[in-house]
């Protein structure tokens, strides 16, 4: 599964309907954990996908932080 697909699925799971029962919510959360693990396994690709999800102002701030970290 690609990082973009993982991020898309996480977004869809986070937008779950309010009428779900406790068991259904727990199932969704368990699935989300598995998908997040896959995204973490993809590491750099996952970071890039998450970066793309940020607003432009946050992307610029992130780049500043990364530059400060490596210099």
C-alpha atoms as a PDB file:
ATOM      1  CA  UNK A   1       0.000   0.000   0.000  1.00  0.00           C
ATOM      2  CA  UNK A   2       1.415   3.399  -0.946  1.00  0.00           C
ATOM      3  CA  UNK A   3       1.875   6.248   1.497  1.00  0.00           C
ATOM      4  CA  UNK A   4      -0.718   8.317  -0.346  1.00  0.00           C
ATOM      5  CA  UNK A   5      -3.278   5.523  -0.078  1.00  0.00           C
ATOM      6  CA  UNK A   6      -2.505   5.164   3.636  1.00  0.00           C
ATOM      7  CA  UNK A   7      -3.004   8.881   4.209  1.00  0.00           C
ATOM      8  CA  UNK A   8      -6.238   8.850   2.232  1.00  0.00           C
ATOM      9  CA  UNK A   9      -7.590   5.939   4.274  1.00  0.00           C
ATOM     10  CA  UNK A  10      -6.593   7.602   7.555  1.00  0.00           C
ATOM     11  CA  UNK A  11      -8.421  10.769   6.509  1.00  0.00           C
ATOM     12  CA  UNK A  12     -11.532   8.762   5.634  1.00  0.00           C
ATOM     13  CA  UNK A  13     -11.402   6.894   8.949  1.00  0.00           C
ATOM     14  CA  UNK A  14     -11.047  10.146  10.878  1.00  0.00           C
ATOM     15  CA  UNK A  15     -14.200  11.437   9.153  1.00  0.00           C
ATOM     16  CA  UNK A  16     -16.273   8.602  10.597  1.00  0.00           C
ATOM     17  CA  UNK A  17     -20.009   9.174  11.080  1.00  0.00           C
ATOM     18  CA  UNK A  18     -21.174  10.280  14.534  1.00  0.00           C
ATOM     19  CA  UNK A  19     -23.789   7.508  14.787  1.00  0.00           C
ATOM     20  CA  UNK A  20     -21.309   4.621  15.011  1.00  0.00           C
ATOM     21  CA  UNK A  21     -21.404   2.410  18.074  1.00  0.00           C
ATOM     22  CA  UNK A  22     -18.569   1.819  20.514  1.00  0.00           C
ATOM     23  CA  UNK A  23     -17.542  -1.492  18.883  1.00  0.00           C
ATOM     24  CA  UNK A  24     -17.496   0.060  15.423  1.00  0.00           C
ATOM     25  CA  UNK A  25     -15.397   3.002  16.655  1.00  0.00           C
ATOM     26  CA  UNK A  26     -12.954   0.597  18.293  1.00  0.00           C
ATOM     27  CA  UNK A  27     -12.687  -1.346  15.031  1.00  0.00           C
ATOM     28  CA  UNK A  28     -12.014   1.851  13.099  1.00  0.00           C
ATOM     29  CA  UNK A  29      -9.341   2.881  15.585  1.00  0.00           C
ATOM     30  CA  UNK A  30      -7.675  -0.549  15.314  1.00  0.00           C
ATOM     31  CA  UNK A  31      -7.654  -0.294  11.525  1.00  0.00           C
ATOM     32  CA  UNK A  32      -6.229   3.220  11.770  1.00  0.00           C
ATOM     33  CA  UNK A  33      -3.371   1.929  13.950  1.00  0.00           C
ATOM     34  CA  UNK A  34      -2.517  -0.720  11.345  1.00  0.00           C
ATOM     35  CA  UNK A  35      -2.560   1.832   8.531  1.00  0.00           C
ATOM     36  CA  UNK A  36      -0.435   4.281  10.546  1.00  0.00           C
ATOM     37  CA  UNK A  37       2.068   1.467  11.134  1.00  0.00           C
ATOM     38  CA  UNK A  38       2.230   0.875   7.386  1.00  0.00           C
ATOM     39  CA  UNK A  39       2.725   4.612   6.845  1.00  0.00           C
ATOM     40  CA  UNK A  40       5.497   4.644   9.432  1.00  0.00           C
ATOM     41  CA  UNK A  41       7.112   1.691   7.684  1.00  0.00           C
ATOM     42  CA  UNK A  42       7.215   3.724   4.520  1.00  0.00           C
ATOM     43  CA  UNK A  43       9.080   6.455   6.484  1.00  0.00           C
ATOM     44  CA  UNK A  44      10.356   8.964   3.961  1.00  0.00           C
ATOM     45  CA  UNK A  45       7.506   8.503   1.537  1.00  0.00           C
ATOM     46  CA  UNK A  46       5.125   8.839   4.469  1.00  0.00           C
ATOM     47  CA  UNK A  47       6.779  12.025   5.652  1.00  0.00           C
ATOM     48  CA  UNK A  48       6.497  13.485   2.188  1.00  0.00           C
ATOM     49  CA  UNK A  49       2.802  12.633   1.944  1.00  0.00           C
ATOM     50  CA  UNK A  50       2.162  14.167   5.370  1.00  0.00           C
ATOM     51  CA  UNK A  51       4.176  17.243   4.328  1.00  0.00           C
ATOM     52  CA  UNK A  52       1.974  17.646   1.243  1.00  0.00           C
ATOM     53  CA  UNK A  53      -1.112  17.625   3.470  1.00  0.00           C
ATOM     54  CA  UNK A  54       0.112  20.738   5.325  1.00  0.00           C
ATOM     55  CA  UNK A  55      -0.911  24.279   4.492  1.00  0.00           C
ATOM     56  CA  UNK A  56       1.762  26.157   2.537  1.00  0.00           C
ATOM     57  CA  UNK A  57       2.647  28.294   5.567  1.00  0.00           C
ATOM     58  CA  UNK A  58       3.233  25.158   7.641  1.00  0.00           C
ATOM     59  CA  UNK A  59       5.280  23.616   4.837  1.00  0.00           C
ATOM     60  CA  UNK A  60       7.559  26.675   4.877  1.00  0.00           C
ATOM     61  CA  UNK A  61       7.869  26.508   8.659  1.00  0.00           C
ATOM     62  CA  UNK A  62       8.694  22.804   8.453  1.00  0.00           C
ATOM     63  CA  UNK A  63      11.431  23.485   5.891  1.00  0.00           C
ATOM     64  CA  UNK A  64      12.913  26.142   8.190  1.00  0.00           C
ATOM     65  CA  UNK A  65      12.931  23.674  11.083  1.00  0.00           C
ATOM     66  CA  UNK A  66      14.560  20.950   8.988  1.00  0.00           C
ATOM     67  CA  UNK A  67      17.216  23.362   7.712  1.00  0.00           C
ATOM     68  CA  UNK A  68      17.983  24.470  11.268  1.00  0.00           C
ATOM     69  CA  UNK A  69      18.221  20.827  12.344  1.00  0.00           C
ATOM     70  CA  UNK A  70      20.706  19.792   9.659  1.00  0.00           C
ATOM     71  CA  UNK A  71      22.889  22.925   9.791  1.00  0.00           C
END
